[in-house]
Amino acid sequence: MPTVFKLRGFTFKFYSNENNEPPHVHVIKGTAESKWWIDPSLEEEYSDGFKVQELRTIRELLKEHHHALLQAWKDHLSED
């Protein structure tokens, strides 16, 4: 499970066995986790354990780092 980056206490990761799905990222903090589609648009797939304000922060971070996340996804796919 490659870690893309860590920001403001959130860890952004890809799971190695999900290459057959559209580009997405898992966000983890403690025991909370959410999954976000990052292409073609930013959309929350699910969330478990995050507060509303944390989800807003995650969305802001995903918007801010959208290009880097997509590039990391493409790089991750090319490794498999």
C-alpha atoms as a PDB file:
ATOM      1  CA  MET A   1       0.000   0.000   0.000  1.00  0.00           C
ATOM      2  CA  PRO A   2       2.093   2.913  -1.273  1.00  0.00           C
ATOM      3  CA  THR A   3       1.855   6.140   0.704  1.00  0.00           C
ATOM      4  CA  VAL A   4       1.544   9.105  -1.641  1.00  0.00           C
ATOM      5  CA  PHE A   5       2.047  11.751   1.035  1.00  0.00           C
ATOM      6  CA  LYS A   6       1.148  12.837   4.550  1.00  0.00           C
ATOM      7  CA  LEU A   7      -0.406  16.231   5.227  1.00  0.00           C
ATOM      8  CA  ARG A   8      -1.956  17.738   8.367  1.00  0.00           C
ATOM      9  CA  GLY A   9      -2.117  14.345  10.037  1.00  0.00           C
ATOM     10  CA  PHE A  10      -3.801  12.628   7.072  1.00  0.00           C
ATOM     11  CA  THR A  11      -2.102   9.809   5.153  1.00  0.00           C
ATOM     12  CA  PHE A  12      -2.946   9.519   1.445  1.00  0.00           C
ATOM     13  CA  LYS A  13      -2.451   5.990   0.071  1.00  0.00           C
ATOM     14  CA  PHE A  14      -3.124   3.689  -2.849  1.00  0.00           C
ATOM     15  CA  TYR A  15      -3.850   0.003  -2.367  1.00  0.00           C
ATOM     16  CA  SER A  16      -1.749  -2.123  -4.716  1.00  0.00           C
ATOM     17  CA  ASN A  17      -4.570  -4.446  -5.784  1.00  0.00           C
ATOM     18  CA  GLU A  18      -6.967  -1.774  -7.077  1.00  0.00           C
ATOM     19  CA  ASN A  19      -5.516  -0.967 -10.492  1.00  0.00           C
ATOM     20  CA  ASN A  20      -8.702  -2.132 -12.221  1.00  0.00           C
ATOM     21  CA  GLU A  21     -10.645   0.765 -10.653  1.00  0.00           C
ATOM     22  CA  PRO A  22     -10.668   4.410 -11.764  1.00  0.00           C
ATOM     23  CA  PRO A  23      -8.031   6.650 -10.137  1.00  0.00           C
ATOM     24  CA  HIS A  24      -8.703   7.084  -6.438  1.00  0.00           C
ATOM     25  CA  VAL A  25      -6.967   7.552  -3.114  1.00  0.00           C
ATOM     26  CA  HIS A  26      -7.581   6.311   0.419  1.00  0.00           C
ATOM     27  CA  VAL A  27      -7.191   8.841   3.225  1.00  0.00           C
ATOM     28  CA  ILE A  28      -6.412   7.564   6.711  1.00  0.00           C
ATOM     29  CA  LYS A  29      -6.079   9.234  10.097  1.00  0.00           C
ATOM     30  CA  GLY A  30      -6.002   6.999  13.149  1.00  0.00           C
ATOM     31  CA  THR A  31      -8.825   4.507  12.691  1.00  0.00           C
ATOM     32  CA  ALA A  32     -10.786   6.735  10.286  1.00  0.00           C
ATOM     33  CA  GLU A  33     -10.638   6.066   6.536  1.00  0.00           C
ATOM     34  CA  SER A  34     -12.226   7.451   3.401  1.00  0.00           C
ATOM     35  CA  LYS A  35     -11.953   6.712  -0.304  1.00  0.00           C
ATOM     36  CA  TRP A  36     -12.043   9.438  -2.937  1.00  0.00           C
ATOM     37  CA  TRP A  37     -12.304   9.209  -6.713  1.00  0.00           C
ATOM     38  CA  ILE A  38      -9.818  11.679  -8.190  1.00  0.00           C
ATOM     39  CA  ASP A  39     -10.543  11.401 -11.915  1.00  0.00           C
ATOM     40  CA  PRO A  40     -12.491  12.552 -13.853  1.00  0.00           C
ATOM     41  CA  SER A  41     -13.801  14.559 -10.888  1.00  0.00           C
ATOM     42  CA  LEU A  42     -13.241  14.666  -7.146  1.00  0.00           C
ATOM     43  CA  GLU A  43     -15.916  12.617  -5.383  1.00  0.00           C
ATOM     44  CA  GLU A  44     -16.120  10.923  -2.000  1.00  0.00           C
ATOM     45  CA  GLU A  45     -16.850   7.189  -2.342  1.00  0.00           C
ATOM     46  CA  TYR A  46     -17.140   6.430   1.381  1.00  0.00           C
ATOM     47  CA  SER A  47     -16.036   7.677   4.755  1.00  0.00           C
ATOM     48  CA  ASP A  48     -15.857   5.976   8.130  1.00  0.00           C
ATOM     49  CA  GLY A  49     -14.894   7.789  11.303  1.00  0.00           C
ATOM     50  CA  PHE A  50     -14.110  11.306  10.026  1.00  0.00           C
ATOM     51  CA  LYS A  51     -15.779  14.437  11.373  1.00  0.00           C
ATOM     52  CA  VAL A  52     -17.451  16.779   8.878  1.00  0.00           C
ATOM     53  CA  GLN A  53     -14.680  19.375   9.286  1.00  0.00           C
ATOM     54  CA  GLU A  54     -12.026  16.731   8.606  1.00  0.00           C
ATOM     55  CA  LEU A  55     -13.810  15.754   5.388  1.00  0.00           C
ATOM     56  CA  ARG A  56     -13.807  19.420   4.330  1.00  0.00           C
ATOM     57  CA  THR A  57     -10.081  19.589   5.003  1.00  0.00           C
ATOM     58  CA  ILE A  58      -9.476  16.381   3.044  1.00  0.00           C
ATOM     59  CA  ARG A  59     -11.440  17.769   0.080  1.00  0.00           C
ATOM     60  CA  GLU A  60      -9.376  20.984   0.186  1.00  0.00           C
ATOM     61  CA  LEU A  61      -6.120  19.007   0.272  1.00  0.00           C
ATOM     62  CA  LEU A  62      -7.258  16.778  -2.592  1.00  0.00           C
ATOM     63  CA  LYS A  63      -8.121  19.836  -4.697  1.00  0.00           C
ATOM     64  CA  GLU A  64      -4.791  21.467  -3.883  1.00  0.00           C
ATOM     65  CA  HIS A  65      -2.778  18.344  -4.751  1.00  0.00           C
ATOM     66  CA  HIS A  66      -4.995  16.929  -7.503  1.00  0.00           C
ATOM     67  CA  HIS A  67      -2.346  16.998 -10.233  1.00  0.00           C
ATOM     68  CA  ALA A  68       0.276  15.342  -8.011  1.00  0.00           C
ATOM     69  CA  LEU A  69      -2.192  12.618  -7.004  1.00  0.00           C
ATOM     70  CA  LEU A  70      -3.078  11.817 -10.609  1.00  0.00           C
ATOM     71  CA  GLN A  71       0.591  11.666 -11.537  1.00  0.00           C
ATOM     72  CA  ALA A  72       1.317   9.394  -8.575  1.00  0.00           C
ATOM     73  CA  TRP A  73      -1.568   7.123  -9.666  1.00  0.00           C
ATOM     74  CA  LYS A  74      -0.135   6.910 -13.199  1.00  0.00           C
ATOM     75  CA  ASP A  75       3.344   6.213 -11.824  1.00  0.00           C
ATOM     76  CA  HIS A  76       1.903   3.541  -9.514  1.00  0.00           C
ATOM     77  CA  LEU A  77       0.139   1.828 -12.422  1.00  0.00           C
ATOM     78  CA  SER A  78       3.312   1.774 -14.483  1.00  0.00           C
ATOM     79  CA  GLU A  79       5.132  -0.073 -11.670  1.00  0.00           C
ATOM     80  CA  ASP A  80       2.734  -3.046 -11.793  1.00  0.00           C
END
